[in-house]
Amino acid sequence: MDQPAGVTMDIRQLEYFLVICEQKSFSRAVDALDISQPSLSRHMQQLETELGLHLFHRTGRGVEPTQAGLRLLAHAQKIVRAMRDAREDMLGLRDHQVLGIRLGLPPRISRRIAPALVTRFRETFEGATLNVKEGLSVEMFDWLIKGRIDIALLYDPPPSDRICCRTVSREELVLAYSSTYAPAPPPVVQGAELGNFPLVLPSPPYSIRKLVDRACQELGISLNIVAEVDLVHSVGETTLQSEVCSILPQSEVLDPKHGGRFRYSRIEHPTILNNLVIAMPVDEAYVNRLCAGVSDLLHDCMAQAWPRS
């Protein structure tokens, strides 16, 4: 590359550069940043031209930073973090600003804890606003990565260097069926026997399905899946109204809204546990007093309203 006359790189180029390094792919970075491929490529071409250096080399699986890219990566992490710290500090000086936080909750959890959470939030953070958004863990993880929410309760999120997680509870998944299902399974079923039951399950990549598929893969068994329904509530209603079984969190089976119509068998060898976590951006600039406080409120509300195993 020609030696540049001057360097005029901006913070946005560095932010894009960081995401590409994290995702190790331009196409995955496009999804994470929610911009077009030509736009992302143009910004990186401009950055390489301004620096007079190649920042990436292509591999069979995507891209990796060159030696120059690795050195820029260390600088870019410090620069972007400093910019975000400065932005957060300046916003904190605006006393007239009404602080707010966007919280993502799974629907069945929101139904149970939202009233208490809102009450405690108002008592604890006077003048702040709480915006609760409901969604499935898969979509809320995407919202969190793209900055559309600030904090979320998620089931078994995929690993990410951009998200920090705090475990709230681990809960058994059980073989669930209607009180009229016959013949009734025994109180305890072995994991290797799950293929004997007609099942309604969420489709991939929803968290329950991922956990069940992983267990079955380790056991080397195939399931008899007769239908796929993505919402846990709909899976439950389908199970209660049809001669089928499902694999559901124990708390869903015991929820009073079902009127005692469910029966269940525990699953052993292996026991399948889901992992409910409070997830926030790992960047310290965004883990402010409000985020940290809401994390504590969530943890307390869940401890009071949700069964733990």
Protein backbone atom coordinates (compact mmCIF):
# COMPACT_ATOMS: atom_id res chain seq x y z
CA MET A 1 0.00 0.00 0.00
CA ASP A 2 1.09 3.60 -0.60
CA GLN A 3 2.31 5.50 2.43
CA PRO A 4 -0.52 7.77 3.63
CA ALA A 5 -0.04 11.55 3.75
CA GLY A 6 -2.09 11.72 6.99
CA VAL A 7 -4.39 9.63 9.13
CA THR A 8 -7.98 10.75 9.67
CA MET A 9 -9.59 7.55 11.03
CA ASP A 10 -12.73 8.13 13.11
CA ILE A 11 -14.27 6.36 16.10
CA ARG A 12 -16.91 4.66 13.96
CA GLN A 13 -14.25 2.99 11.83
CA LEU A 14 -12.56 1.68 14.98
CA GLU A 15 -15.85 0.37 16.36
CA TYR A 16 -16.52 -1.46 13.10
CA PHE A 17 -12.97 -2.79 13.11
CA LEU A 18 -13.44 -4.18 16.64
CA VAL A 19 -16.64 -6.01 15.70
CA ILE A 20 -15.01 -7.60 12.64
CA CYS A 21 -12.12 -8.81 14.81
CA GLU A 22 -14.57 -10.23 17.36
CA GLN A 23 -16.81 -11.94 14.78
CA LYS A 24 -13.86 -13.01 12.56
CA SER A 25 -16.14 -12.48 9.57
CA PHE A 26 -17.39 -9.50 7.58
CA SER A 27 -20.80 -11.13 7.06
CA ARG A 28 -21.29 -11.84 10.76
CA ALA A 29 -20.13 -8.31 11.59
CA VAL A 30 -22.75 -6.96 9.18
CA ASP A 31 -25.46 -8.77 11.16
CA ALA A 32 -24.10 -7.61 14.51
CA LEU A 33 -23.79 -3.97 13.38
CA ASP A 34 -27.03 -3.96 11.37
CA ILE A 35 -25.41 -2.19 8.38
CA SER A 36 -24.89 -3.17 4.75
CA GLN A 37 -21.92 -5.22 3.55
CA PRO A 38 -20.82 -2.54 1.01
CA SER A 39 -20.87 0.13 3.71
CA LEU A 40 -18.76 -1.96 6.12
CA SER A 41 -16.28 -2.89 3.38
CA ARG A 42 -15.98 0.76 2.32
CA HIS A 43 -15.17 1.88 5.88
CA MET A 44 -12.47 -0.77 6.25
CA GLN A 45 -10.98 0.05 2.85
CA GLN A 46 -10.82 3.72 3.87
CA LEU A 47 -9.16 2.80 7.16
CA GLU A 48 -6.55 0.60 5.46
CA THR A 49 -5.89 3.32 2.86
CA GLU A 50 -5.46 5.99 5.53
CA LEU A 51 -3.07 3.80 7.53
CA GLY A 52 -1.27 2.40 4.50
CA LEU A 53 -1.49 -1.09 5.99
CA HIS A 54 -3.45 -4.29 5.44
CA LEU A 55 -5.48 -5.04 8.57
CA PHE A 56 -7.03 -8.42 7.68
CA HIS A 57 -6.11 -11.55 5.83
CA ARG A 58 -8.73 -14.06 4.70
CA THR A 59 -8.88 -17.64 5.99
CA GLY A 60 -11.07 -20.57 5.09
CA ARG A 61 -13.43 -19.62 7.91
CA GLY A 62 -13.47 -15.83 7.57
CA VAL A 63 -10.86 -13.19 8.39
CA GLU A 64 -8.10 -12.75 10.95
CA PRO A 65 -6.20 -9.55 11.84
CA THR A 66 -2.72 -9.19 10.38
CA GLN A 67 0.19 -8.22 12.63
CA ALA A 68 -0.71 -4.60 11.94
CA GLY A 69 -4.34 -5.40 12.67
CA LEU A 70 -3.43 -6.93 16.03
CA ARG A 71 -1.51 -3.81 17.03
CA LEU A 72 -4.40 -1.58 15.95
CA LEU A 73 -6.79 -3.84 17.87
CA ALA A 74 -5.02 -3.09 21.16
CA HIS A 75 -5.18 0.66 20.49
CA ALA A 76 -8.77 0.55 19.24
CA GLN A 77 -10.01 -1.22 22.38
CA LYS A 78 -8.52 1.50 24.58
CA ILE A 79 -9.75 4.34 22.36
CA VAL A 80 -13.33 3.06 22.05
CA ARG A 81 -13.49 2.35 25.79
CA ALA A 82 -12.20 5.85 26.57
CA MET A 83 -14.74 7.43 24.21
CA ARG A 84 -17.60 5.52 25.83
CA ASP A 85 -16.36 6.44 29.32
CA ALA A 86 -16.25 10.10 28.28
CA ARG A 87 -19.75 9.93 26.80
CA GLU A 88 -21.14 8.29 29.95
CA ASP A 89 -19.40 10.85 32.18
CA MET A 90 -20.79 13.79 30.22
CA LEU A 91 -24.30 12.35 30.24
CA GLY A 92 -24.03 12.02 34.00
CA LEU A 93 -23.45 15.79 34.27
CA ARG A 94 -26.77 16.52 32.62
CA ASP A 95 -28.82 16.69 35.80
CA HIS A 96 -31.94 17.59 33.92
CA GLN A 97 -31.77 14.38 31.90
CA VAL A 98 -34.35 11.74 32.77
CA LEU A 99 -32.43 8.48 33.13
CA GLY A 100 -33.96 5.35 31.69
CA ILE A 101 -33.17 1.70 31.17
CA ARG A 102 -34.46 -0.80 28.61
CA LEU A 103 -35.00 -4.25 30.11
CA GLY A 104 -35.71 -7.46 28.20
CA LEU A 105 -37.72 -10.23 29.88
CA PRO A 106 -39.08 -13.61 28.71
CA PRO A 107 -42.89 -13.37 28.62
CA ARG A 108 -43.62 -16.00 31.26
CA ILE A 109 -41.16 -14.38 33.67
CA SER A 110 -42.40 -10.87 32.91
CA ARG A 111 -45.93 -11.93 33.78
CA ARG A 112 -44.83 -13.05 37.22
CA ILE A 113 -42.25 -10.45 38.32
CA ALA A 114 -43.02 -7.24 36.38
CA PRO A 115 -45.46 -5.75 38.92
CA ALA A 116 -43.06 -6.16 41.86
CA LEU A 117 -40.09 -5.10 39.76
CA VAL A 118 -41.76 -1.87 38.59
CA THR A 119 -42.80 -1.01 42.16
CA ARG A 120 -39.31 -1.53 43.54
CA PHE A 121 -37.72 0.29 40.62
CA ARG A 122 -39.84 3.40 41.29
CA GLU A 123 -38.95 3.28 44.99
CA THR A 124 -35.23 2.84 44.33
CA PHE A 125 -34.61 5.08 41.28
CA GLU A 126 -36.79 8.13 41.67
CA GLY A 127 -37.18 10.03 38.39
CA ALA A 128 -35.82 7.17 36.24
CA THR A 129 -37.91 5.24 33.74
CA LEU A 130 -38.08 1.50 33.13
CA ASN A 131 -38.94 0.27 29.65
CA VAL A 132 -39.77 -3.46 29.70
CA LYS A 133 -39.60 -5.34 26.39
CA GLU A 134 -40.70 -8.95 26.13
CA GLY A 135 -39.08 -11.46 23.78
CA LEU A 136 -37.54 -14.88 23.37
CA SER A 137 -33.98 -15.33 24.60
CA VAL A 138 -32.67 -15.75 21.05
CA GLU A 139 -34.02 -12.39 19.89
CA MET A 140 -33.24 -10.54 23.13
CA PHE A 141 -29.60 -11.64 22.90
CA ASP A 142 -29.52 -10.02 19.45
CA TRP A 143 -31.16 -6.85 20.82
CA LEU A 144 -28.52 -6.69 23.56
CA ILE A 145 -25.62 -7.08 21.12
CA LYS A 146 -27.06 -4.35 18.87
CA GLY A 147 -27.71 -1.95 21.75
CA ARG A 148 -31.51 -2.04 21.52
CA ILE A 149 -31.83 -3.01 25.19
CA ASP A 150 -29.49 -2.41 28.14
CA ILE A 151 -30.03 -5.53 30.26
CA ALA A 152 -31.96 -8.79 29.88
CA LEU A 153 -32.92 -12.06 31.51
CA LEU A 154 -31.82 -14.80 29.11
CA TYR A 155 -31.92 -18.58 29.02
CA ASP A 156 -28.59 -20.18 28.07
CA PRO A 157 -27.19 -17.37 25.88
CA PRO A 158 -24.32 -18.23 23.53
CA PRO A 159 -20.85 -17.16 24.68
CA SER A 160 -19.81 -13.64 23.67
CA ASP A 161 -16.90 -11.38 24.62
CA ARG A 162 -19.34 -8.45 24.53
CA ILE A 163 -21.77 -9.76 27.15
CA CYS A 164 -21.27 -10.51 30.85
CA CYS A 165 -23.68 -12.89 32.58
CA ARG A 166 -24.78 -13.39 36.17
CA THR A 167 -26.54 -16.67 36.92
CA VAL A 168 -29.95 -16.31 38.56
CA SER A 169 -31.10 -19.93 38.70
CA ARG A 170 -30.72 -23.37 37.19
CA GLU A 171 -33.91 -25.36 36.69
CA GLU A 172 -34.65 -28.92 35.68
CA LEU A 173 -36.39 -29.69 32.42
CA VAL A 174 -38.97 -32.46 32.86
CA LEU A 175 -41.00 -34.76 30.63
CA ALA A 176 -44.44 -33.11 30.71
CA TYR A 177 -47.82 -34.56 29.69
CA SER A 178 -51.53 -34.13 30.36
CA SER A 179 -53.24 -35.75 33.32
CA THR A 180 -55.26 -37.71 30.73
CA TYR A 181 -52.22 -39.01 28.82
CA ALA A 182 -52.13 -42.81 28.81
CA PRO A 183 -50.32 -44.89 29.58
CA ALA A 184 -48.69 -42.49 32.04
CA PRO A 185 -44.87 -42.60 32.05
CA PRO A 186 -43.12 -43.61 35.28
CA PRO A 187 -42.17 -40.89 37.79
CA VAL A 188 -38.58 -41.00 36.55
CA VAL A 189 -37.48 -41.64 32.95
CA GLN A 190 -33.96 -42.18 31.73
CA GLY A 191 -32.56 -39.85 29.09
CA ALA A 192 -32.07 -42.81 26.75
CA GLU A 193 -35.85 -43.46 26.89
CA LEU A 194 -36.91 -40.02 25.63
CA GLY A 195 -37.14 -41.32 22.06
CA ASN A 196 -40.08 -43.51 23.12
CA PHE A 197 -42.48 -40.58 23.55
CA PRO A 198 -44.25 -38.43 20.91
CA LEU A 199 -42.90 -34.94 21.58
CA VAL A 200 -43.86 -31.34 20.87
CA LEU A 201 -40.78 -29.10 21.18
CA PRO A 202 -39.62 -25.64 20.19
CA SER A 203 -37.63 -25.56 16.96
CA PRO A 204 -33.89 -24.79 16.85
CA PRO A 205 -32.21 -22.53 17.92
CA TYR A 206 -34.44 -21.87 20.93
CA SER A 207 -32.78 -22.56 24.28
CA ILE A 208 -34.89 -25.54 25.41
CA ARG A 209 -34.37 -27.27 22.08
CA LYS A 210 -30.62 -26.66 22.16
CA LEU A 211 -30.37 -28.24 25.61
CA VAL A 212 -32.47 -31.26 24.62
CA ASP A 213 -30.63 -31.76 21.32
CA ARG A 214 -27.27 -31.59 23.08
CA ALA A 215 -28.31 -34.23 25.62
CA CYS A 216 -29.65 -36.52 22.87
CA GLN A 217 -26.51 -36.12 20.81
CA GLU A 218 -24.39 -37.16 23.79
CA LEU A 219 -26.66 -40.19 24.31
CA GLY A 220 -26.69 -41.05 20.61
CA ILE A 221 -30.49 -41.16 20.40
CA SER A 222 -33.12 -39.65 18.10
CA LEU A 223 -36.38 -38.11 19.30
CA ASN A 224 -39.89 -38.72 17.99
CA ILE A 225 -40.80 -35.06 17.34
CA VAL A 226 -44.34 -34.81 16.04
CA ALA A 227 -44.56 -30.99 16.03
CA GLU A 228 -42.43 -27.89 16.63
CA VAL A 229 -43.99 -24.87 18.39
CA ASP A 230 -41.70 -22.04 19.39
CA LEU A 231 -43.44 -20.37 22.36
CA VAL A 232 -43.23 -22.27 25.66
CA HIS A 233 -46.83 -21.30 26.48
CA SER A 234 -48.04 -22.70 23.14
CA VAL A 235 -45.99 -25.86 23.61
CA GLY A 236 -47.69 -26.34 26.97
CA GLU A 237 -51.21 -25.80 25.64
CA THR A 238 -50.57 -28.15 22.72
CA THR A 239 -49.32 -30.81 25.13
CA LEU A 240 -52.40 -30.45 27.33
CA GLN A 241 -54.83 -30.71 24.43
CA SER A 242 -53.18 -33.53 22.45
CA GLU A 243 -51.97 -37.03 23.15
CA VAL A 244 -48.34 -35.91 23.18
CA CYS A 245 -45.56 -35.11 25.63
CA SER A 246 -43.08 -32.30 25.84
CA ILE A 247 -39.89 -31.34 27.67
CA LEU A 248 -40.49 -28.17 29.69
CA PRO A 249 -39.08 -26.27 32.67
CA GLN A 250 -40.54 -27.62 35.89
CA SER A 251 -41.85 -24.16 36.82
CA GLU A 252 -43.94 -24.02 33.64
CA VAL A 253 -45.53 -27.39 34.42
CA LEU A 254 -46.33 -26.34 38.00
CA ASP A 255 -47.63 -22.87 37.04
CA PRO A 256 -51.12 -22.40 38.59
CA LYS A 257 -52.42 -21.05 35.27
CA HIS A 258 -52.60 -24.66 34.01
CA GLY A 259 -55.07 -25.60 36.73
CA GLY A 260 -53.23 -28.76 37.76
CA ARG A 261 -53.77 -30.39 34.36
CA PHE A 262 -50.10 -31.24 33.91
CA ARG A 263 -48.25 -34.29 35.13
CA TYR A 264 -44.52 -34.78 34.75
CA SER A 265 -41.67 -37.23 35.08
CA ARG A 266 -38.17 -36.28 36.12
CA ILE A 267 -35.42 -36.97 33.59
CA GLU A 268 -32.22 -38.62 34.79
CA HIS A 269 -28.95 -39.65 33.17
CA PRO A 270 -28.63 -36.90 32.23
CA THR A 271 -30.54 -34.34 34.23
CA ILE A 272 -31.16 -31.45 31.81
CA LEU A 273 -30.81 -28.03 33.42
CA ASN A 274 -31.47 -24.65 31.89
CA ASN A 275 -29.45 -21.63 33.01
CA LEU A 276 -31.23 -18.31 33.55
CA VAL A 277 -28.84 -15.35 33.59
CA ILE A 278 -28.88 -11.58 33.86
CA ALA A 279 -26.97 -10.34 30.82
CA MET A 280 -25.41 -6.89 30.29
CA PRO A 281 -22.80 -5.38 27.97
CA VAL A 282 -19.32 -6.14 29.24
CA ASP A 283 -18.16 -2.56 28.55
CA GLU A 284 -17.81 -0.78 31.89
CA ALA A 285 -19.10 2.45 30.37
CA TYR A 286 -22.54 0.91 30.02
CA VAL A 287 -22.64 -0.95 33.32
CA ASN A 288 -23.62 2.20 35.20
CA ARG A 289 -25.39 2.66 38.51
CA LEU A 290 -28.78 2.11 36.94
CA CYS A 291 -27.78 -1.14 35.17
CA ALA A 292 -26.10 -2.51 38.28
CA GLY A 293 -29.10 -1.55 40.42
CA VAL A 294 -31.60 -3.18 38.07
CA SER A 295 -29.44 -6.31 38.03
CA ASP A 296 -29.73 -6.52 41.82
CA LEU A 297 -33.50 -5.86 41.69
CA LEU A 298 -33.95 -8.61 39.10
CA HIS A 299 -31.98 -11.05 41.20
CA ASP A 300 -34.07 -10.27 44.30
CA CYS A 301 -37.42 -10.46 42.47
CA MET A 302 -36.51 -13.78 40.88
CA ALA A 303 -35.41 -15.22 44.25
CA GLN A 304 -38.80 -14.32 45.71
CA ALA A 305 -41.05 -15.33 42.81
CA TRP A 306 -39.29 -18.13 40.94
CA PRO A 307 -38.45 -21.65 42.12
CA ARG A 308 -34.79 -22.55 42.27
CA SER A 309 -33.14 -25.93 42.09
